[in-house]
């Protein structure tokens, strides 16, 4: 159970699904516990060899529609392994 909702900063690692040993550490990452998506810079995903898996549309708070590629990455955590779209 999550005791508190909100935003915090932490260090995380990201790895491609096809090579969990090829990891990149990201420092001072903002985490929003209420967010449905994770945003990672395209150059980092390309450096890791992660490929886009699909396209998705998002509506901004201002009502603009953005289309972005979705990528699937592996987030190694100390207590478990997590796969998520980025």
Foldseek 3Di string as FASTA:
>chain_A
DDPDFAKDFAKWWKAAPVDNPQIDIDGRDIDGRPDPADDDDPVVCVVRVWDFDAKDWDADPVGDIDIDTKTWIWTDDPVDIDIDID
